[in-house]
Amino acid sequence: MSAHDEARTAALAAALERDPVLANQLGTLRQQAWAGLDALVQEVAGWLAQQGPAPAAHTGPINVAALGAAARQRQALAREQRELAEAYVLGALVNYDNPDWNPLDPATSRGTGDSLLATLLTWEPPAPPADDTDT
């Protein structure tokens, strides 16, 4: 992130500390962005699962150990598909207006600091003021 962007982020953080309504609205927007991002990643992961090979059918005797191993393999495949979906979705969102972006070449991707969405998703709301009342 450039020094100019860091200064803008610091100014925004200071404004949010002074305006709890704005901070609340930005927090709501952040939650909506996360929900939308998660839905998009789920959709892409589902598409990847449909495109990939079906899990291999079990050929040996069926017992608890074999069923457990098959379940672990399915979970590992689903985890890999989710990670790939996250990488593609985040890369596409960060590089939506980058005509040089190639998902297979990380060097063509711009940094996440250049993305308003990445900034929104990583923003942490200011801590509420300490309660000074004694009970």
N, C-alpha and C. Protein backbone atom coordinates (compact mmCIF):
# COMPACT_ATOMS: atom_id res chain seq x y z
N MET A 1 0.86 -1.16 0.00
CA MET A 1 0.00 0.00 0.00
C MET A 1 0.91 1.23 0.00
N SER A 2 0.55 2.20 -0.83
CA SER A 2 1.37 3.40 -0.92
C SER A 2 1.18 4.28 0.31
N ALA A 3 2.08 5.23 0.48
CA ALA A 3 1.98 6.16 1.62
C ALA A 3 0.70 6.97 1.52
N HIS A 4 0.30 7.32 0.29
CA HIS A 4 -0.94 8.08 0.10
C HIS A 4 -2.15 7.24 0.55
N ASP A 5 -2.17 5.96 0.15
CA ASP A 5 -3.27 5.07 0.55
C ASP A 5 -3.29 4.87 2.06
N GLU A 6 -2.10 4.74 2.67
CA GLU A 6 -2.03 4.58 4.12
C GLU A 6 -2.58 5.81 4.82
N ALA A 7 -2.28 7.00 4.28
CA ALA A 7 -2.79 8.24 4.88
C ALA A 7 -4.31 8.31 4.74
N ARG A 8 -4.83 7.90 3.59
CA ARG A 8 -6.29 7.90 3.40
C ARG A 8 -6.95 6.90 4.34
N THR A 9 -6.34 5.74 4.51
CA THR A 9 -6.90 4.74 5.41
C THR A 9 -6.88 5.24 6.85
N ALA A 10 -5.80 5.90 7.26
CA ALA A 10 -5.72 6.45 8.61
C ALA A 10 -6.77 7.54 8.82
N ALA A 11 -6.98 8.37 7.80
CA ALA A 11 -8.00 9.42 7.91
C ALA A 11 -9.39 8.81 8.01
N LEU A 12 -9.64 7.75 7.24
CA LEU A 12 -10.94 7.08 7.32
C LEU A 12 -11.13 6.46 8.70
N ALA A 13 -10.10 5.83 9.22
CA ALA A 13 -10.20 5.22 10.55
C ALA A 13 -10.50 6.29 11.61
N ALA A 14 -9.86 7.43 11.50
CA ALA A 14 -10.11 8.52 12.46
C ALA A 14 -11.54 9.02 12.34
N ALA A 15 -12.04 9.14 11.11
CA ALA A 15 -13.42 9.59 10.90
C ALA A 15 -14.41 8.58 11.47
N LEU A 16 -14.10 7.30 11.32
CA LEU A 16 -14.99 6.26 11.83
C LEU A 16 -15.02 6.25 13.35
N GLU A 17 -13.89 6.56 13.97
CA GLU A 17 -13.86 6.61 15.44
C GLU A 17 -14.72 7.76 15.96
N ARG A 18 -14.81 8.84 15.19
CA ARG A 18 -15.62 9.99 15.60
C ARG A 18 -17.10 9.80 15.26
N ASP A 19 -17.41 8.94 14.30
CA ASP A 19 -18.79 8.77 13.84
C ASP A 19 -19.21 7.31 13.95
N PRO A 20 -19.78 6.91 15.09
CA PRO A 20 -20.14 5.50 15.27
C PRO A 20 -21.23 5.05 14.30
N VAL A 21 -22.09 5.95 13.84
CA VAL A 21 -23.13 5.57 12.88
C VAL A 21 -22.48 5.16 11.56
N LEU A 22 -21.52 5.95 11.10
CA LEU A 22 -20.80 5.61 9.87
C LEU A 22 -20.04 4.30 10.04
N ALA A 23 -19.42 4.11 11.19
CA ALA A 23 -18.69 2.87 11.46
C ALA A 23 -19.65 1.68 11.43
N ASN A 24 -20.84 1.85 11.99
CA ASN A 24 -21.83 0.78 11.98
C ASN A 24 -22.28 0.47 10.56
N GLN A 25 -22.52 1.51 9.75
CA GLN A 25 -22.94 1.31 8.37
C GLN A 25 -21.85 0.60 7.57
N LEU A 26 -20.61 0.99 7.79
CA LEU A 26 -19.50 0.35 7.10
C LEU A 26 -19.35 -1.10 7.56
N GLY A 27 -19.58 -1.35 8.84
CA GLY A 27 -19.55 -2.72 9.35
C GLY A 27 -20.62 -3.58 8.70
N THR A 28 -21.82 -3.02 8.52
CA THR A 28 -22.90 -3.74 7.85
C THR A 28 -22.53 -4.03 6.40
N LEU A 29 -21.98 -3.04 5.73
CA LEU A 29 -21.54 -3.22 4.35
C LEU A 29 -20.47 -4.31 4.27
N ARG A 30 -19.57 -4.32 5.22
CA ARG A 30 -18.51 -5.34 5.26
C ARG A 30 -19.11 -6.74 5.42
N GLN A 31 -20.10 -6.87 6.31
CA GLN A 31 -20.76 -8.17 6.49
C GLN A 31 -21.45 -8.62 5.21
N GLN A 32 -22.10 -7.69 4.52
CA GLN A 32 -22.77 -8.02 3.27
C GLN A 32 -21.75 -8.43 2.21
N ALA A 33 -20.61 -7.76 2.18
CA ALA A 33 -19.56 -8.11 1.22
C ALA A 33 -19.04 -9.52 1.50
N TRP A 34 -18.82 -9.84 2.78
CA TRP A 34 -18.36 -11.19 3.13
C TRP A 34 -19.39 -12.24 2.74
N ALA A 35 -20.67 -11.96 2.99
CA ALA A 35 -21.73 -12.92 2.64
C ALA A 35 -21.78 -13.14 1.13
N GLY A 36 -21.69 -12.05 0.37
CA GLY A 36 -21.70 -12.17 -1.09
C GLY A 36 -20.48 -12.91 -1.60
N LEU A 37 -19.33 -12.62 -1.03
CA LEU A 37 -18.10 -13.30 -1.42
C LEU A 37 -18.20 -14.80 -1.12
N ASP A 38 -18.71 -15.14 0.05
CA ASP A 38 -18.86 -16.54 0.42
C ASP A 38 -19.81 -17.26 -0.53
N ALA A 39 -20.92 -16.62 -0.89
CA ALA A 39 -21.88 -17.23 -1.81
C ALA A 39 -21.24 -17.46 -3.18
N LEU A 40 -20.46 -16.51 -3.63
CA LEU A 40 -19.79 -16.64 -4.92
C LEU A 40 -18.76 -17.76 -4.89
N VAL A 41 -18.00 -17.84 -3.82
CA VAL A 41 -17.01 -18.92 -3.68
C VAL A 41 -17.71 -20.27 -3.64
N GLN A 42 -18.82 -20.36 -2.92
CA GLN A 42 -19.58 -21.62 -2.86
C GLN A 42 -20.06 -22.03 -4.25
N GLU A 43 -20.53 -21.04 -5.02
CA GLU A 43 -21.02 -21.33 -6.37
C GLU A 43 -19.88 -21.85 -7.25
N VAL A 44 -18.74 -21.20 -7.20
CA VAL A 44 -17.59 -21.63 -8.01
C VAL A 44 -17.09 -23.00 -7.54
N ALA A 45 -17.04 -23.23 -6.24
CA ALA A 45 -16.60 -24.53 -5.72
C ALA A 45 -17.56 -25.63 -6.18
N GLY A 46 -18.86 -25.34 -6.19
CA GLY A 46 -19.84 -26.31 -6.68
C GLY A 46 -19.63 -26.61 -8.16
N TRP A 47 -19.35 -25.56 -8.93
CA TRP A 47 -19.09 -25.74 -10.35
C TRP A 47 -17.84 -26.60 -10.55
N LEU A 48 -16.79 -26.32 -9.78
CA LEU A 48 -15.56 -27.12 -9.88
C LEU A 48 -15.83 -28.58 -9.54
N ALA A 49 -16.66 -28.81 -8.54
CA ALA A 49 -16.99 -30.19 -8.15
C ALA A 49 -17.71 -30.92 -9.28
N GLN A 50 -18.57 -30.20 -9.99
CA GLN A 50 -19.30 -30.82 -11.11
C GLN A 50 -18.37 -31.12 -12.28
N GLN A 51 -17.35 -30.28 -12.48
CA GLN A 51 -16.44 -30.43 -13.62
C GLN A 51 -15.40 -31.52 -13.39
N GLY A 52 -15.06 -31.76 -12.15
CA GLY A 52 -14.00 -32.69 -11.83
C GLY A 52 -14.46 -34.14 -11.90
N PRO A 53 -13.52 -35.04 -11.78
CA PRO A 53 -13.88 -36.46 -11.79
C PRO A 53 -14.65 -36.83 -10.53
N ALA A 54 -15.53 -37.79 -10.68
CA ALA A 54 -16.29 -38.28 -9.53
C ALA A 54 -15.33 -39.05 -8.63
N PRO A 55 -15.59 -39.03 -7.33
CA PRO A 55 -14.74 -39.81 -6.42
C PRO A 55 -14.73 -41.28 -6.84
N ALA A 56 -13.60 -41.91 -6.70
CA ALA A 56 -13.46 -43.31 -7.09
C ALA A 56 -14.38 -44.19 -6.25
N ALA A 57 -14.99 -45.15 -6.91
CA ALA A 57 -15.85 -46.08 -6.20
C ALA A 57 -14.99 -47.02 -5.37
N HIS A 58 -15.48 -47.35 -4.21
CA HIS A 58 -14.74 -48.25 -3.32
C HIS A 58 -14.82 -49.66 -3.88
N THR A 59 -13.68 -50.34 -3.95
CA THR A 59 -13.65 -51.67 -4.55
C THR A 59 -13.44 -52.78 -3.53
N GLY A 60 -12.95 -52.46 -2.37
CA GLY A 60 -12.67 -53.49 -1.37
C GLY A 60 -13.86 -53.72 -0.45
N PRO A 61 -13.61 -54.47 0.60
CA PRO A 61 -14.69 -54.72 1.56
C PRO A 61 -15.09 -53.41 2.25
N ILE A 62 -16.36 -53.32 2.55
CA ILE A 62 -16.87 -52.12 3.20
C ILE A 62 -16.81 -52.33 4.71
N ASN A 63 -16.04 -51.46 5.35
CA ASN A 63 -15.94 -51.49 6.81
C ASN A 63 -15.76 -50.06 7.29
N VAL A 64 -15.70 -49.90 8.57
CA VAL A 64 -15.62 -48.56 9.14
C VAL A 64 -14.34 -47.84 8.69
N ALA A 65 -13.23 -48.54 8.65
CA ALA A 65 -11.97 -47.92 8.25
C ALA A 65 -12.03 -47.46 6.79
N ALA A 66 -12.58 -48.29 5.91
CA ALA A 66 -12.68 -47.92 4.50
C ALA A 66 -13.62 -46.74 4.30
N LEU A 67 -14.72 -46.74 5.01
CA LEU A 67 -15.66 -45.62 4.91
C LEU A 67 -15.03 -44.33 5.43
N GLY A 68 -14.28 -44.43 6.53
CA GLY A 68 -13.60 -43.26 7.07
C GLY A 68 -12.57 -42.71 6.09
N ALA A 69 -11.80 -43.60 5.47
CA ALA A 69 -10.79 -43.17 4.50
C ALA A 69 -11.46 -42.50 3.30
N ALA A 70 -12.55 -43.06 2.83
CA ALA A 70 -13.27 -42.45 1.69
C ALA A 70 -13.82 -41.08 2.07
N ALA A 71 -14.33 -40.95 3.28
CA ALA A 71 -14.86 -39.66 3.73
C ALA A 71 -13.74 -38.62 3.82
N ARG A 72 -12.57 -39.03 4.33
CA ARG A 72 -11.45 -38.10 4.41
C ARG A 72 -10.98 -37.66 3.02
N GLN A 73 -10.98 -38.59 2.07
CA GLN A 73 -10.60 -38.23 0.70
C GLN A 73 -11.59 -37.23 0.10
N ARG A 74 -12.88 -37.45 0.32
CA ARG A 74 -13.89 -36.51 -0.19
C ARG A 74 -13.74 -35.14 0.46
N GLN A 75 -13.46 -35.13 1.76
CA GLN A 75 -13.27 -33.85 2.46
C GLN A 75 -12.04 -33.12 1.94
N ALA A 76 -10.96 -33.85 1.69
CA ALA A 76 -9.74 -33.22 1.17
C ALA A 76 -9.99 -32.65 -0.23
N LEU A 77 -10.72 -33.38 -1.07
CA LEU A 77 -11.04 -32.89 -2.40
C LEU A 77 -11.92 -31.64 -2.32
N ALA A 78 -12.91 -31.65 -1.45
CA ALA A 78 -13.78 -30.48 -1.28
C ALA A 78 -12.99 -29.28 -0.77
N ARG A 79 -12.05 -29.51 0.14
CA ARG A 79 -11.22 -28.42 0.68
C ARG A 79 -10.34 -27.83 -0.43
N GLU A 80 -9.76 -28.70 -1.27
CA GLU A 80 -8.93 -28.22 -2.39
C GLU A 80 -9.77 -27.41 -3.38
N GLN A 81 -10.99 -27.89 -3.66
CA GLN A 81 -11.87 -27.17 -4.58
C GLN A 81 -12.26 -25.82 -4.00
N ARG A 82 -12.52 -25.76 -2.71
CA ARG A 82 -12.87 -24.50 -2.07
C ARG A 82 -11.69 -23.52 -2.13
N GLU A 83 -10.48 -24.00 -1.85
CA GLU A 83 -9.30 -23.14 -1.89
C GLU A 83 -9.06 -22.61 -3.31
N LEU A 84 -9.24 -23.46 -4.31
CA LEU A 84 -9.07 -23.02 -5.69
C LEU A 84 -10.15 -22.00 -6.05
N ALA A 85 -11.38 -22.25 -5.62
CA ALA A 85 -12.47 -21.31 -5.88
C ALA A 85 -12.18 -19.96 -5.22
N GLU A 86 -11.70 -19.97 -3.99
CA GLU A 86 -11.35 -18.72 -3.30
C GLU A 86 -10.28 -17.95 -4.07
N ALA A 87 -9.26 -18.67 -4.53
CA ALA A 87 -8.17 -18.02 -5.25
C ALA A 87 -8.67 -17.38 -6.54
N TYR A 88 -9.51 -18.09 -7.28
CA TYR A 88 -10.03 -17.54 -8.53
C TYR A 88 -10.97 -16.37 -8.29
N VAL A 89 -11.87 -16.51 -7.34
CA VAL A 89 -12.83 -15.43 -7.08
C VAL A 89 -12.12 -14.18 -6.58
N LEU A 90 -11.24 -14.33 -5.61
CA LEU A 90 -10.52 -13.16 -5.09
C LEU A 90 -9.63 -12.55 -6.16
N GLY A 91 -8.96 -13.39 -6.93
CA GLY A 91 -8.13 -12.87 -8.02
C GLY A 91 -8.95 -12.11 -9.04
N ALA A 92 -10.12 -12.65 -9.39
CA ALA A 92 -10.98 -11.98 -10.37
C ALA A 92 -11.50 -10.66 -9.82
N LEU A 93 -11.85 -10.61 -8.54
CA LEU A 93 -12.36 -9.38 -7.96
C LEU A 93 -11.28 -8.31 -7.84
N VAL A 94 -10.09 -8.72 -7.47
CA VAL A 94 -8.99 -7.76 -7.34
C VAL A 94 -8.55 -7.26 -8.72
N ASN A 95 -8.66 -8.11 -9.73
CA ASN A 95 -8.16 -7.78 -11.06
C ASN A 95 -9.27 -7.55 -12.08
N TYR A 96 -10.46 -7.20 -11.61
CA TYR A 96 -11.60 -7.08 -12.53
C TYR A 96 -11.35 -6.12 -13.68
N ASP A 97 -10.55 -5.11 -13.49
CA ASP A 97 -10.28 -4.15 -14.56
C ASP A 97 -8.81 -4.21 -15.02
N ASN A 98 -8.18 -5.34 -14.82
CA ASN A 98 -6.79 -5.53 -15.21
C ASN A 98 -6.76 -6.44 -16.44
N PRO A 99 -6.68 -5.87 -17.65
CA PRO A 99 -6.72 -6.70 -18.85
C PRO A 99 -5.51 -7.63 -18.99
N ASP A 100 -4.45 -7.38 -18.24
CA ASP A 100 -3.25 -8.21 -18.33
C ASP A 100 -3.28 -9.39 -17.36
N TRP A 101 -4.32 -9.48 -16.52
CA TRP A 101 -4.34 -10.53 -15.51
C TRP A 101 -4.52 -11.89 -16.15
N ASN A 102 -3.69 -12.82 -15.73
CA ASN A 102 -3.78 -14.21 -16.14
C ASN A 102 -3.81 -15.03 -14.86
N PRO A 103 -4.92 -15.73 -14.58
CA PRO A 103 -5.01 -16.48 -13.32
C PRO A 103 -3.91 -17.52 -13.15
N LEU A 104 -3.29 -17.93 -14.24
CA LEU A 104 -2.23 -18.93 -14.15
C LEU A 104 -0.85 -18.30 -13.95
N ASP A 105 -0.79 -16.95 -13.97
CA ASP A 105 0.49 -16.25 -13.81
C ASP A 105 0.36 -15.21 -12.70
N PRO A 106 0.76 -15.54 -11.47
CA PRO A 106 0.62 -14.61 -10.35
C PRO A 106 1.30 -13.26 -10.58
N ALA A 107 2.31 -13.21 -11.42
CA ALA A 107 3.01 -11.95 -11.66
C ALA A 107 2.12 -10.92 -12.35
N THR A 108 1.03 -11.35 -12.98
CA THR A 108 0.15 -10.41 -13.68
C THR A 108 -0.92 -9.83 -12.77
N SER A 109 -1.01 -10.31 -11.55
CA SER A 109 -2.03 -9.84 -10.61
C SER A 109 -1.57 -8.56 -9.94
N ARG A 110 -2.51 -7.67 -9.71
CA ARG A 110 -2.17 -6.46 -8.94
C ARG A 110 -2.28 -6.80 -7.46
N GLY A 111 -1.68 -5.99 -6.64
CA GLY A 111 -1.72 -6.22 -5.20
C GLY A 111 -3.10 -5.98 -4.63
N THR A 112 -3.40 -6.64 -3.53
CA THR A 112 -4.72 -6.46 -2.91
C THR A 112 -4.89 -5.07 -2.34
N GLY A 113 -3.80 -4.35 -2.09
CA GLY A 113 -3.90 -2.99 -1.57
C GLY A 113 -4.52 -2.03 -2.57
N ASP A 114 -4.57 -2.44 -3.85
CA ASP A 114 -5.16 -1.60 -4.88
C ASP A 114 -6.67 -1.81 -5.00
N SER A 115 -7.24 -2.68 -4.21
CA SER A 115 -8.64 -3.05 -4.35
C SER A 115 -9.47 -2.50 -3.20
N LEU A 116 -10.52 -1.77 -3.54
CA LEU A 116 -11.43 -1.26 -2.52
C LEU A 116 -12.12 -2.42 -1.80
N LEU A 117 -12.48 -3.47 -2.55
CA LEU A 117 -13.12 -4.61 -1.92
C LEU A 117 -12.19 -5.27 -0.91
N ALA A 118 -10.94 -5.46 -1.27
CA ALA A 118 -9.99 -6.06 -0.33
C ALA A 118 -9.83 -5.20 0.91
N THR A 119 -9.82 -3.89 0.72
CA THR A 119 -9.72 -2.98 1.86
C THR A 119 -10.94 -3.12 2.76
N LEU A 120 -12.12 -3.18 2.15
CA LEU A 120 -13.36 -3.33 2.92
C LEU A 120 -13.37 -4.64 3.69
N LEU A 121 -12.97 -5.73 3.04
CA LEU A 121 -13.02 -7.04 3.68
C LEU A 121 -12.01 -7.17 4.82
N THR A 122 -10.91 -6.46 4.73
CA THR A 122 -9.89 -6.57 5.78
C THR A 122 -10.00 -5.48 6.83
N TRP A 123 -10.92 -4.54 6.64
CA TRP A 123 -11.11 -3.44 7.60
C TRP A 123 -11.62 -4.00 8.92
N GLU A 124 -11.07 -3.52 9.99
CA GLU A 124 -11.53 -3.89 11.33
C GLU A 124 -12.21 -2.69 11.95
N PRO A 125 -13.45 -2.85 12.41
CA PRO A 125 -14.13 -1.71 13.02
C PRO A 125 -13.40 -1.24 14.27
N PRO A 126 -13.49 0.05 14.57
CA PRO A 126 -12.83 0.55 15.77
C PRO A 126 -13.45 -0.07 17.02
N ALA A 127 -12.63 -0.25 18.02
CA ALA A 127 -13.12 -0.81 19.29
C ALA A 127 -14.07 0.18 19.93
N PRO A 128 -15.14 -0.33 20.55
CA PRO A 128 -16.04 0.60 21.24
C PRO A 128 -15.32 1.26 22.40
N PRO A 129 -15.75 2.48 22.76
CA PRO A 129 -15.09 3.16 23.87
C PRO A 129 -15.26 2.37 25.16
N ALA A 130 -14.27 2.46 26.01
CA ALA A 130 -14.33 1.75 27.29
C ALA A 130 -15.44 2.34 28.14
N ASP A 131 -16.11 1.49 28.86
CA ASP A 131 -17.19 1.93 29.75
C ASP A 131 -16.57 2.38 31.06
N ASP A 132 -16.69 3.68 31.35
CA ASP A 132 -16.07 4.24 32.55
C ASP A 132 -16.98 4.21 33.78
N THR A 133 -18.18 3.68 33.62
CA THR A 133 -19.11 3.68 34.75
C THR A 133 -18.77 2.54 35.70
N ASP A 134 -18.82 2.83 36.96
CA ASP A 134 -18.59 1.80 37.99
C ASP A 134 -19.93 1.30 38.47
N THR A 135 -20.06 -0.01 38.56
CA THR A 135 -21.33 -0.56 39.06
C THR A 135 -21.13 -1.30 40.33
